[in-house]
């Protein structure tokens, strides 16, 4: 079964959030690079949805490769579709 785009997008934003934390670049710094408020970045990460241009700029800011984040999200989504235990683990 192929995952829907909303699920893949949410997983990709979650991956991006994790990478931003791992890079130790604050949401404030990310917000400055995107010329927006820190609360806006926080909201986008929590919602699991953002514009593609924002996604790419945040990825570049934290030193991540956007297409790799999307590939990983797609793989995670497919794994979750095929393994309910994996899906539950990813939610926690």
PDB file of N, CA and C in Angstrom:
ATOM      1  N   UNK A   1       0.840  -1.176   0.000  1.00  0.00           N
ATOM      2  CA  UNK A   1       0.000   0.000   0.000  1.00  0.00           C
ATOM      3  C   UNK A   1       0.886   1.241   0.000  1.00  0.00           C
ATOM      4  N   UNK A   2       0.543   2.216  -0.773  1.00  0.00           N
ATOM      5  CA  UNK A   2       1.301   3.458  -0.853  1.00  0.00           C
ATOM      6  C   UNK A   2       0.739   4.460   0.149  1.00  0.00           C
ATOM      7  N   UNK A   3       1.630   5.061   0.910  1.00  0.00           N
ATOM      8  CA  UNK A   3       1.214   6.042   1.907  1.00  0.00           C
ATOM      9  C   UNK A   3       0.725   7.309   1.226  1.00  0.00           C
ATOM     10  N   UNK A   4      -0.160   8.009   1.911  1.00  0.00           N
ATOM     11  CA  UNK A   4      -0.643   9.248   1.309  1.00  0.00           C
ATOM     12  C   UNK A   4       0.354  10.376   1.541  1.00  0.00           C
ATOM     13  N   UNK A   5       0.203  11.423   0.777  1.00  0.00           N
ATOM     14  CA  UNK A   5       1.160  12.531   0.804  1.00  0.00           C
ATOM     15  C   UNK A   5       1.186  13.249   2.150  1.00  0.00           C
ATOM     16  N   UNK A   6       0.054  13.308   2.832  1.00  0.00           N
ATOM     17  CA  UNK A   6       0.012  13.973   4.131  1.00  0.00           C
ATOM     18  C   UNK A   6       0.883  13.247   5.146  1.00  0.00           C
ATOM     19  N   UNK A   7       0.824  11.915   5.131  1.00  0.00           N
ATOM     20  CA  UNK A   7       1.642  11.119   6.044  1.00  0.00           C
ATOM     21  C   UNK A   7       3.119  11.296   5.744  1.00  0.00           C
ATOM     22  N   UNK A   8       3.479  11.223   4.486  1.00  0.00           N
ATOM     23  CA  UNK A   8       4.888  11.384   4.102  1.00  0.00           C
ATOM     24  C   UNK A   8       5.374  12.782   4.467  1.00  0.00           C
ATOM     25  N   UNK A   9       4.560  13.793   4.217  1.00  0.00           N
ATOM     26  CA  UNK A   9       4.947  15.168   4.551  1.00  0.00           C
ATOM     27  C   UNK A   9       5.159  15.327   6.052  1.00  0.00           C
ATOM     28  N   UNK A  10       4.251  14.776   6.848  1.00  0.00           N
ATOM     29  CA  UNK A  10       4.383  14.879   8.305  1.00  0.00           C
ATOM     30  C   UNK A  10       5.645  14.176   8.797  1.00  0.00           C
ATOM     31  N   UNK A  11       5.934  13.007   8.234  1.00  0.00           N
ATOM     32  CA  UNK A  11       7.154  12.290   8.612  1.00  0.00           C
ATOM     33  C   UNK A  11       8.401  13.054   8.180  1.00  0.00           C
ATOM     34  N   UNK A  12       8.347  13.678   7.023  1.00  0.00           N
ATOM     35  CA  UNK A  12       9.489  14.463   6.541  1.00  0.00           C
ATOM     36  C   UNK A  12       9.734  15.668   7.446  1.00  0.00           C
ATOM     37  N   UNK A  13       8.678  16.349   7.846  1.00  0.00           N
ATOM     38  CA  UNK A  13       8.837  17.493   8.747  1.00  0.00           C
ATOM     39  C   UNK A  13       9.364  17.019  10.097  1.00  0.00           C
ATOM     40  N   UNK A  14       8.898  15.860  10.567  1.00  0.00           N
ATOM     41  CA  UNK A  14       9.416  15.301  11.815  1.00  0.00           C
ATOM     42  C   UNK A  14      10.906  14.982  11.681  1.00  0.00           C
ATOM     43  N   UNK A  15      11.292  14.392  10.559  1.00  0.00           N
ATOM     44  CA  UNK A  15      12.718  14.123  10.319  1.00  0.00           C
ATOM     45  C   UNK A  15      13.518  15.418  10.320  1.00  0.00           C
ATOM     46  N   UNK A  16      12.979  16.443   9.698  1.00  0.00           N
ATOM     47  CA  UNK A  16      13.661  17.737   9.643  1.00  0.00           C
ATOM     48  C   UNK A  16      13.797  18.328  11.047  1.00  0.00           C
ATOM     49  N   UNK A  17      12.745  18.213  11.840  1.00  0.00           N
ATOM     50  CA  UNK A  17      12.788  18.696  13.225  1.00  0.00           C
ATOM     51  C   UNK A  17      13.878  17.975  14.007  1.00  0.00           C
ATOM     52  N   UNK A  18      13.954  16.657  13.837  1.00  0.00           N
ATOM     53  CA  UNK A  18      14.988  15.870  14.527  1.00  0.00           C
ATOM     54  C   UNK A  18      16.386  16.291  14.083  1.00  0.00           C
ATOM     55  N   UNK A  19      16.546  16.516  12.796  1.00  0.00           N
ATOM     56  CA  UNK A  19      17.855  16.929  12.291  1.00  0.00           C
ATOM     57  C   UNK A  19      18.216  18.324  12.775  1.00  0.00           C
ATOM     58  N   UNK A  20      17.223  19.186  12.903  1.00  0.00           N
ATOM     59  CA  UNK A  20      17.527  20.532  13.404  1.00  0.00           C
ATOM     60  C   UNK A  20      17.966  20.464  14.861  1.00  0.00           C
ATOM     61  N   UNK A  21      17.349  19.590  15.639  1.00  0.00           N
ATOM     62  CA  UNK A  21      17.777  19.402  17.034  1.00  0.00           C
ATOM     63  C   UNK A  21      19.180  18.815  17.098  1.00  0.00           C
ATOM     64  N   UNK A  22      19.436  17.828  16.260  1.00  0.00           N
ATOM     65  CA  UNK A  22      20.754  17.183  16.253  1.00  0.00           C
ATOM     66  C   UNK A  22      21.855  18.161  15.847  1.00  0.00           C
ATOM     67  N   UNK A  23      21.518  19.101  14.995  1.00  0.00           N
ATOM     68  CA  UNK A  23      22.514  20.076  14.540  1.00  0.00           C
ATOM     69  C   UNK A  23      22.751  21.165  15.584  1.00  0.00           C
ATOM     70  N   UNK A  24      21.893  21.190  16.597  1.00  0.00           N
ATOM     71  CA  UNK A  24      21.969  22.176  17.675  1.00  0.00           C
ATOM     72  C   UNK A  24      21.796  23.611  17.171  1.00  0.00           C
ATOM     73  N   UNK A  25      21.099  23.752  16.052  1.00  0.00           N
ATOM     74  CA  UNK A  25      20.751  25.085  15.553  1.00  0.00           C
ATOM     75  C   UNK A  25      19.357  25.404  16.087  1.00  0.00           C
ATOM     76  N   UNK A  26      19.262  26.488  16.813  1.00  0.00           N
ATOM     77  CA  UNK A  26      18.005  26.823  17.483  1.00  0.00           C
ATOM     78  C   UNK A  26      16.922  27.226  16.481  1.00  0.00           C
ATOM     79  N   UNK A  27      15.680  27.105  16.943  1.00  0.00           N
ATOM     80  CA  UNK A  27      14.566  27.548  16.115  1.00  0.00           C
ATOM     81  C   UNK A  27      14.638  29.049  15.877  1.00  0.00           C
ATOM     82  N   UNK A  28      15.237  29.774  16.806  1.00  0.00           N
ATOM     83  CA  UNK A  28      15.423  31.213  16.623  1.00  0.00           C
ATOM     84  C   UNK A  28      16.340  31.526  15.455  1.00  0.00           C
ATOM     85  N   UNK A  29      17.432  30.767  15.344  1.00  0.00           N
ATOM     86  CA  UNK A  29      18.363  30.961  14.228  1.00  0.00           C
ATOM     87  C   UNK A  29      17.681  30.591  12.913  1.00  0.00           C
ATOM     88  N   UNK A  30      16.953  29.477  12.924  1.00  0.00           N
ATOM     89  CA  UNK A  30      16.222  29.057  11.723  1.00  0.00           C
ATOM     90  C   UNK A  30      15.225  30.145  11.322  1.00  0.00           C
ATOM     91  N   UNK A  31      14.500  30.659  12.307  1.00  0.00           N
ATOM     92  CA  UNK A  31      13.512  31.711  12.037  1.00  0.00           C
ATOM     93  C   UNK A  31      14.175  32.947  11.430  1.00  0.00           C
ATOM     94  N   UNK A  32      15.325  33.319  11.968  1.00  0.00           N
ATOM     95  CA  UNK A  32      16.041  34.479  11.411  1.00  0.00           C
ATOM     96  C   UNK A  32      16.395  34.253   9.944  1.00  0.00           C
ATOM     97  N   UNK A  33      16.848  33.047   9.615  1.00  0.00           N
ATOM     98  CA  UNK A  33      17.224  32.741   8.226  1.00  0.00           C
ATOM     99  C   UNK A  33      16.020  32.810   7.291  1.00  0.00           C
ATOM    100  N   UNK A  34      14.841  32.440   7.815  1.00  0.00           N
ATOM    101  CA  UNK A  34      13.624  32.460   7.008  1.00  0.00           C
ATOM    102  C   UNK A  34      12.848  33.775   7.143  1.00  0.00           C
ATOM    103  N   UNK A  35      13.399  34.710   7.906  1.00  0.00           N
ATOM    104  CA  UNK A  35      12.768  36.015   8.124  1.00  0.00           C
ATOM    105  C   UNK A  35      11.353  35.863   8.678  1.00  0.00           C
ATOM    106  N   UNK A  36      11.248  35.060   9.742  1.00  0.00           N
ATOM    107  CA  UNK A  36       9.964  34.838  10.388  1.00  0.00           C
ATOM    108  C   UNK A  36      10.194  34.714  11.891  1.00  0.00           C
ATOM    109  N   UNK A  37       9.131  34.487  12.643  1.00  0.00           N
ATOM    110  CA  UNK A  37       9.227  34.357  14.097  1.00  0.00           C
ATOM    111  C   UNK A  37       9.553  32.917  14.494  1.00  0.00           C
ATOM    112  N   UNK A  38      10.222  32.775  15.621  1.00  0.00           N
ATOM    113  CA  UNK A  38      10.545  31.451  16.151  1.00  0.00           C
ATOM    114  C   UNK A  38       9.263  30.648  16.383  1.00  0.00           C
ATOM    115  N   UNK A  39       8.220  31.320  16.864  1.00  0.00           N
ATOM    116  CA  UNK A  39       6.953  30.636  17.118  1.00  0.00           C
ATOM    117  C   UNK A  39       6.363  30.059  15.833  1.00  0.00           C
ATOM    118  N   UNK A  40       6.593  30.722  14.718  1.00  0.00           N
ATOM    119  CA  UNK A  40       6.109  30.228  13.427  1.00  0.00           C
ATOM    120  C   UNK A  40       6.817  28.932  13.061  1.00  0.00           C
ATOM    121  N   UNK A  41       8.123  28.884  13.266  1.00  0.00           N
ATOM    122  CA  UNK A  41       8.888  27.658  12.985  1.00  0.00           C
ATOM    123  C   UNK A  41       8.411  26.543  13.899  1.00  0.00           C
ATOM    124  N   UNK A  42       8.249  26.853  15.184  1.00  0.00           N
ATOM    125  CA  UNK A  42       7.773  25.860  16.140  1.00  0.00           C
ATOM    126  C   UNK A  42       6.415  25.311  15.712  1.00  0.00           C
ATOM    127  N   UNK A  43       5.531  26.190  15.286  1.00  0.00           N
ATOM    128  CA  UNK A  43       4.198  25.783  14.840  1.00  0.00           C
ATOM    129  C   UNK A  43       4.266  24.865  13.618  1.00  0.00           C
ATOM    130  N   UNK A  44       5.133  25.189  12.681  1.00  0.00           N
ATOM    131  CA  UNK A  44       5.264  24.363  11.476  1.00  0.00           C
ATOM    132  C   UNK A  44       5.775  22.966  11.831  1.00  0.00           C
ATOM    133  N   UNK A  45       6.745  22.891  12.745  1.00  0.00           N
ATOM    134  CA  UNK A  45       7.253  21.590  13.174  1.00  0.00           C
ATOM    135  C   UNK A  45       6.157  20.797  13.888  1.00  0.00           C
ATOM    136  N   UNK A  46       5.387  21.451  14.745  1.00  0.00           N
ATOM    137  CA  UNK A  46       4.321  20.761  15.477  1.00  0.00           C
ATOM    138  C   UNK A  46       3.203  20.299  14.553  1.00  0.00           C
ATOM    139  N   UNK A  47       2.843  21.153  13.577  1.00  0.00           N
ATOM    140  CA  UNK A  47       1.773  20.813  12.623  1.00  0.00           C
ATOM    141  C   UNK A  47       2.177  19.698  11.678  1.00  0.00           C
ATOM    142  N   UNK A  48       3.480  19.616  11.404  1.00  0.00           N
ATOM    143  CA  UNK A  48       3.950  18.609  10.458  1.00  0.00           C
ATOM    144  C   UNK A  48       3.688  18.992   9.019  1.00  0.00           C
ATOM    145  N   UNK A  49       3.596  20.299   8.769  1.00  0.00           N
ATOM    146  CA  UNK A  49       3.290  20.759   7.418  1.00  0.00           C
ATOM    147  C   UNK A  49       3.941  22.118   7.196  1.00  0.00           C
ATOM    148  N   UNK A  50       4.522  22.303   6.021  1.00  0.00           N
ATOM    149  CA  UNK A  50       5.108  23.588   5.646  1.00  0.00           C
ATOM    150  C   UNK A  50       5.264  23.627   4.144  1.00  0.00           C
ATOM    151  N   UNK A  51       5.500  24.823   3.619  1.00  0.00           N
ATOM    152  CA  UNK A  51       5.747  24.965   2.186  1.00  0.00           C
ATOM    153  C   UNK A  51       7.049  24.265   1.823  1.00  0.00           C
ATOM    154  N   UNK A  52       7.121  23.794   0.601  1.00  0.00           N
ATOM    155  CA  UNK A  52       8.336  23.132   0.133  1.00  0.00           C
ATOM    156  C   UNK A  52       9.537  24.068   0.209  1.00  0.00           C
ATOM    157  N   UNK A  53       9.348  25.317  -0.136  1.00  0.00           N
ATOM    158  CA  UNK A  53      10.464  26.271  -0.080  1.00  0.00           C
ATOM    159  C   UNK A  53      10.972  26.438   1.352  1.00  0.00           C
ATOM    160  N   UNK A  54      10.069  26.449   2.317  1.00  0.00           N
ATOM    161  CA  UNK A  54      10.475  26.539   3.724  1.00  0.00           C
ATOM    162  C   UNK A  54      11.219  25.281   4.143  1.00  0.00           C
ATOM    163  N   UNK A  55      10.696  24.145   3.734  1.00  0.00           N
ATOM    164  CA  UNK A  55      11.326  22.867   4.053  1.00  0.00           C
ATOM    165  C   UNK A  55      12.772  22.844   3.551  1.00  0.00           C
ATOM    166  N   UNK A  56      12.967  23.261   2.311  1.00  0.00           N
ATOM    167  CA  UNK A  56      14.307  23.252   1.715  1.00  0.00           C
ATOM    168  C   UNK A  56      15.220  24.237   2.435  1.00  0.00           C
ATOM    169  N   UNK A  57      14.730  25.433   2.723  1.00  0.00           N
ATOM    170  CA  UNK A  57      15.572  26.431   3.401  1.00  0.00           C
ATOM    171  C   UNK A  57      15.947  25.985   4.803  1.00  0.00           C
ATOM    172  N   UNK A  58      15.016  25.370   5.523  1.00  0.00           N
ATOM    173  CA  UNK A  58      15.338  24.874   6.865  1.00  0.00           C
ATOM    174  C   UNK A  58      16.360  23.752   6.762  1.00  0.00           C
ATOM    175  N   UNK A  59      16.153  22.837   5.831  1.00  0.00           N
ATOM    176  CA  UNK A  59      17.108  21.735   5.646  1.00  0.00           C
ATOM    177  C   UNK A  59      18.500  22.284   5.353  1.00  0.00           C
ATOM    178  N   UNK A  60      18.585  23.242   4.463  1.00  0.00           N
ATOM    179  CA  UNK A  60      19.884  23.836   4.136  1.00  0.00           C
ATOM    180  C   UNK A  60      20.493  24.527   5.352  1.00  0.00           C
ATOM    181  N   UNK A  61      19.672  25.176   6.141  1.00  0.00           N
ATOM    182  CA  UNK A  61      20.157  25.882   7.332  1.00  0.00           C
ATOM    183  C   UNK A  61      20.767  24.923   8.346  1.00  0.00           C
ATOM    184  N   UNK A  62      20.168  23.738   8.491  1.00  0.00           N
ATOM    185  CA  UNK A  62      20.678  22.782   9.485  1.00  0.00           C
ATOM    186  C   UNK A  62      21.682  21.800   8.888  1.00  0.00           C
ATOM    187  N   UNK A  63      22.014  21.985   7.615  1.00  0.00           N
ATOM    188  CA  UNK A  63      23.019  21.141   6.976  1.00  0.00           C
ATOM    189  C   UNK A  63      22.507  19.787   6.524  1.00  0.00           C
ATOM    190  N   UNK A  64      21.201  19.694   6.298  1.00  0.00           N
ATOM    191  CA  UNK A  64      20.593  18.443   5.847  1.00  0.00           C
ATOM    192  C   UNK A  64      20.343  18.499   4.341  1.00  0.00           C
ATOM    193  N   UNK A  65      20.151  17.335   3.756  1.00  0.00           N
ATOM    194  CA  UNK A  65      19.880  17.230   2.323  1.00  0.00           C
ATOM    195  C   UNK A  65      18.385  16.929   2.151  1.00  0.00           C
ATOM    196  N   UNK A  66      17.634  17.880   1.596  1.00  0.00           N
ATOM    197  CA  UNK A  66      16.181  17.741   1.539  1.00  0.00           C
ATOM    198  C   UNK A  66      15.680  16.431   0.936  1.00  0.00           C
ATOM    199  N   UNK A  67      16.242  16.001  -0.188  1.00  0.00           N
ATOM    200  CA  UNK A  67      15.701  14.788  -0.817  1.00  0.00           C
ATOM    201  C   UNK A  67      15.979  13.553   0.034  1.00  0.00           C
ATOM    202  N   UNK A  68      17.040  13.559   0.822  1.00  0.00           N
ATOM    203  CA  UNK A  68      17.306  12.420   1.707  1.00  0.00           C
ATOM    204  C   UNK A  68      16.289  12.363   2.843  1.00  0.00           C
ATOM    205  N   UNK A  69      15.894  13.521   3.337  1.00  0.00           N
ATOM    206  CA  UNK A  69      14.867  13.572   4.380  1.00  0.00           C
ATOM    207  C   UNK A  69      13.549  13.023   3.834  1.00  0.00           C
ATOM    208  N   UNK A  70      13.195  13.422   2.615  1.00  0.00           N
ATOM    209  CA  UNK A  70      11.959  12.935   1.996  1.00  0.00           C
ATOM    210  C   UNK A  70      12.013  11.436   1.722  1.00  0.00           C
ATOM    211  N   UNK A  71      13.155  10.948   1.246  1.00  0.00           N
ATOM    212  CA  UNK A  71      13.306   9.507   1.001  1.00  0.00           C
ATOM    213  C   UNK A  71      13.121   8.722   2.291  1.00  0.00           C
ATOM    214  N   UNK A  72      13.745   9.193   3.365  1.00  0.00           N
ATOM    215  CA  UNK A  72      13.619   8.511   4.647  1.00  0.00           C
ATOM    216  C   UNK A  72      12.170   8.517   5.127  1.00  0.00           C
ATOM    217  N   UNK A  73      11.482   9.633   4.946  1.00  0.00           N
ATOM    218  CA  UNK A  73      10.074   9.716   5.344  1.00  0.00           C
ATOM    219  C   UNK A  73       9.223   8.727   4.560  1.00  0.00           C
ATOM    220  N   UNK A  74       9.500   8.598   3.272  1.00  0.00           N
ATOM    221  CA  UNK A  74       8.746   7.654   2.448  1.00  0.00           C
ATOM    222  C   UNK A  74       8.999   6.217   2.909  1.00  0.00           C
ATOM    223  N   UNK A  75      10.246   5.896   3.221  1.00  0.00           N
ATOM    224  CA  UNK A  75      10.575   4.551   3.716  1.00  0.00           C
ATOM    225  C   UNK A  75       9.901   4.289   5.056  1.00  0.00           C
ATOM    226  N   UNK A  76       9.930   5.284   5.953  1.00  0.00           N
ATOM    227  CA  UNK A  76       9.277   5.131   7.253  1.00  0.00           C
ATOM    228  C   UNK A  76       7.785   4.911   7.079  1.00  0.00           C
ATOM    229  N   UNK A  77       7.190   5.623   6.136  1.00  0.00           N
ATOM    230  CA  UNK A  77       5.764   5.501   5.887  1.00  0.00           C
ATOM    231  C   UNK A  77       5.415   4.109   5.373  1.00  0.00           C
ATOM    232  N   UNK A  78       6.216   3.613   4.444  1.00  0.00           N
ATOM    233  CA  UNK A  78       5.981   2.272   3.905  1.00  0.00           C
ATOM    234  C   UNK A  78       6.169   1.217   4.981  1.00  0.00           C
ATOM    235  N   UNK A  79       7.164   1.391   5.840  1.00  0.00           N
ATOM    236  CA  UNK A  79       7.389   0.448   6.935  1.00  0.00           C
ATOM    237  C   UNK A  79       6.210   0.463   7.897  1.00  0.00           C
ATOM    238  N   UNK A  80       5.686   1.652   8.174  1.00  0.00           N
ATOM    239  CA  UNK A  80       4.538   1.772   9.071  1.00  0.00           C
ATOM    240  C   UNK A  80       3.303   1.118   8.464  1.00  0.00           C
ATOM    241  N   UNK A  81       3.126   1.247   7.147  1.00  0.00           N
ATOM    242  CA  UNK A  81       1.987   0.621   6.475  1.00  0.00           C
ATOM    243  C   UNK A  81       2.051  -0.895   6.574  1.00  0.00           C
ATOM    244  N   UNK A  82       3.255  -1.434   6.527  1.00  0.00           N
ATOM    245  CA  UNK A  82       3.429  -2.883   6.506  1.00  0.00           C
ATOM    246  C   UNK A  82       3.648  -3.493   7.880  1.00  0.00           C
ATOM    247  N   UNK A  83       3.838  -2.667   8.907  1.00  0.00           N
ATOM    248  CA  UNK A  83       4.151  -3.190  10.227  1.00  0.00           C
ATOM    249  C   UNK A  83       3.513  -2.292  11.286  1.00  0.00           C
ATOM    250  N   UNK A  84       2.356  -2.682  11.821  1.00  0.00           N
ATOM    251  CA  UNK A  84       1.674  -1.845  12.813  1.00  0.00           C
ATOM    252  C   UNK A  84       2.528  -1.552  14.047  1.00  0.00           C
ATOM    253  N   UNK A  85       3.365  -2.495  14.466  1.00  0.00           N
ATOM    254  CA  UNK A  85       4.234  -2.261  15.621  1.00  0.00           C
ATOM    255  C   UNK A  85       5.231  -1.145  15.323  1.00  0.00           C
ATOM    256  N   UNK A  86       5.751  -1.110  14.099  1.00  0.00           N
ATOM    257  CA  UNK A  86       6.674  -0.050  13.688  1.00  0.00           C
ATOM    258  C   UNK A  86       5.961   1.298  13.719  1.00  0.00           C
ATOM    259  N   UNK A  87       4.735   1.324  13.247  1.00  0.00           N
ATOM    260  CA  UNK A  87       3.964   2.567  13.230  1.00  0.00           C
ATOM    261  C   UNK A  87       3.763   3.088  14.646  1.00  0.00           C
ATOM    262  N   UNK A  88       3.433   2.201  15.573  1.00  0.00           N
ATOM    263  CA  UNK A  88       3.234   2.606  16.964  1.00  0.00           C
ATOM    264  C   UNK A  88       4.530   3.126  17.573  1.00  0.00           C
ATOM    265  N   UNK A  89       5.641   2.483  17.269  1.00  0.00           N
ATOM    266  CA  UNK A  89       6.954   2.913  17.766  1.00  0.00           C
ATOM    267  C   UNK A  89       7.290   4.308  17.263  1.00  0.00           C
ATOM    268  N   UNK A  90       6.953   4.615  16.020  1.00  0.00           N
ATOM    269  CA  UNK A  90       7.263   5.914  15.433  1.00  0.00           C
ATOM    270  C   UNK A  90       6.437   7.034  16.060  1.00  0.00           C
ATOM    271  N   UNK A  91       5.269   6.709  16.582  1.00  0.00           N
ATOM    272  CA  UNK A  91       4.418   7.724  17.199  1.00  0.00           C
ATOM    273  C   UNK A  91       4.913   8.139  18.568  1.00  0.00           C
ATOM    274  N   UNK A  92       5.680   7.295  19.222  1.00  0.00           N
ATOM    275  CA  UNK A  92       6.129   7.622  20.583  1.00  0.00           C
ATOM    276  C   UNK A  92       7.425   8.363  20.610  1.00  0.00           C
TER     277      UNK A  92
END
